[in-house]
Amino acid sequence: MPDITNTQAIKFCNEQIRPLSEKFRALKAEVDATLVDWNGGIGTTIGSSADDSIADGREAEGISRLTAADVANLVTQLQAYQTQLDQAGVADVINKPCVRPLSAS
């Protein structure tokens, strides 16, 4: 199998593929931790009602108020992301291009 020595291809791999792989791996770890918290009880506390809002007082900063439904809907997407990345072989595909060890943030 011949080596690919094209500088544009090498730059693409080093500047886009490898960093993106590390971000995917880090995001997977963050999603896993978030879902542990959600399933550990905070999900029951927040619920999923569009009538219940999170009173974090951030409106003065121009930040929209979240409803419990907003949070629950995002958690549903996090679960879908986790399911996709938990499939056999996916972690290997993401980890292969990574250069740095996964660090705790």
Protein backbone atom coordinates (compact mmCIF):
# COMPACT_ATOMS: atom_id res chain seq x y z
CA MET A 1 0.00 0.00 0.00
CA PRO A 2 1.59 3.30 -1.03
CA ASP A 3 2.02 6.15 1.44
CA ILE A 4 -0.01 9.31 0.89
CA THR A 5 2.50 12.12 0.97
CA ASN A 6 0.32 14.90 -0.41
CA THR A 7 0.84 17.88 1.90
CA GLN A 8 -2.81 18.95 1.66
CA ALA A 9 -3.96 15.48 2.76
CA ILE A 10 -1.47 15.43 5.64
CA LYS A 11 -2.52 18.91 6.74
CA PHE A 12 -6.21 17.89 6.60
CA CYS A 13 -5.56 14.85 8.80
CA ASN A 14 -3.38 16.70 11.31
CA GLU A 15 -5.40 19.91 11.54
CA GLN A 16 -8.95 18.63 11.13
CA ILE A 17 -9.36 14.87 11.54
CA ARG A 18 -7.15 14.36 14.60
CA PRO A 19 -8.47 17.38 16.57
CA LEU A 20 -12.07 16.53 15.68
CA SER A 21 -11.57 12.94 16.83
CA GLU A 22 -10.28 14.21 20.17
CA LYS A 23 -13.31 16.50 20.50
CA PHE A 24 -15.68 13.62 19.71
CA ARG A 25 -13.98 11.43 22.32
CA ALA A 26 -14.12 14.20 24.94
CA LEU A 27 -17.76 14.96 24.12
CA LYS A 28 -18.64 11.29 24.50
CA ALA A 29 -17.11 11.29 28.00
CA GLU A 30 -19.02 14.47 28.90
CA VAL A 31 -22.29 13.07 27.52
CA ASP A 32 -21.79 9.86 29.51
CA ALA A 33 -21.22 11.85 32.72
CA THR A 34 -24.24 14.07 32.07
CA LEU A 35 -26.49 11.07 31.51
CA VAL A 36 -25.24 9.45 34.71
CA ASP A 37 -26.37 12.59 36.57
CA TRP A 38 -29.68 12.73 34.66
CA ASN A 39 -30.45 9.08 35.36
CA GLY A 40 -29.16 9.40 38.92
CA GLY A 41 -32.08 11.61 39.89
CA ILE A 42 -31.77 15.09 38.44
CA GLY A 43 -34.00 14.01 35.55
CA THR A 44 -36.79 13.28 38.01
CA THR A 45 -36.24 16.64 39.70
CA ILE A 46 -36.38 18.56 36.41
CA GLY A 47 -39.04 16.50 34.66
CA SER A 48 -40.18 17.21 31.12
CA SER A 49 -43.04 19.70 31.32
CA ALA A 50 -43.09 22.66 28.97
CA ASP A 51 -44.91 24.52 31.76
CA ASP A 52 -42.01 24.26 34.22
CA SER A 53 -39.08 26.58 33.69
CA ILE A 54 -35.59 26.69 35.14
CA ALA A 55 -35.39 29.89 37.20
CA ASP A 56 -31.68 30.55 36.89
CA GLY A 57 -32.12 34.34 36.68
CA ARG A 58 -30.10 34.66 33.48
CA GLU A 59 -32.68 36.62 31.49
CA ALA A 60 -30.90 39.85 32.48
CA GLU A 61 -27.86 38.54 30.60
CA GLY A 62 -29.97 38.06 27.48
CA ILE A 63 -30.06 34.30 27.95
CA SER A 64 -33.34 32.54 27.28
CA ARG A 65 -35.08 30.70 30.07
CA LEU A 66 -35.12 26.93 29.65
CA THR A 67 -38.18 24.83 30.29
CA ALA A 68 -38.01 21.32 31.69
CA ALA A 69 -39.11 20.18 28.22
CA ASP A 70 -36.11 21.97 26.65
CA VAL A 71 -33.76 20.11 28.96
CA ALA A 72 -35.51 16.75 28.51
CA ASN A 73 -35.47 17.17 24.72
CA LEU A 74 -31.72 17.79 24.75
CA VAL A 75 -31.21 14.78 27.02
CA THR A 76 -33.07 12.69 24.44
CA GLN A 77 -30.55 13.84 21.83
CA LEU A 78 -27.67 13.08 24.18
CA GLN A 79 -29.03 9.57 24.62
CA ALA A 80 -29.21 9.14 20.84
CA TYR A 81 -25.61 10.36 20.51
CA GLN A 82 -24.50 7.97 23.24
CA THR A 83 -26.32 5.05 21.59
CA GLN A 84 -24.62 5.80 18.27
CA LEU A 85 -21.17 5.98 19.82
CA ASP A 86 -21.71 2.88 21.96
CA GLN A 87 -22.15 0.67 18.89
CA ALA A 88 -19.46 -1.93 18.33
CA GLY A 89 -16.33 -0.53 16.76
CA VAL A 90 -17.31 3.14 16.84
CA ALA A 91 -15.01 4.02 19.75
CA ASP A 92 -12.09 2.42 17.91
CA VAL A 93 -12.78 4.55 14.82
CA ILE A 94 -12.87 7.73 16.93
CA ASN A 95 -9.88 6.83 19.12
CA LYS A 96 -7.50 5.79 16.31
CA PRO A 97 -6.70 9.32 15.06
CA CYS A 98 -6.36 10.74 18.59
CA VAL A 99 -2.91 11.93 19.60
CA ARG A 100 -3.40 13.01 23.21
CA PRO A 101 -4.80 11.00 26.10
CA LEU A 102 -8.32 11.86 27.17
CA SER A 103 -7.99 14.42 29.93
CA ALA A 104 -10.48 15.19 32.65
CA SER A 105 -11.88 18.68 32.18
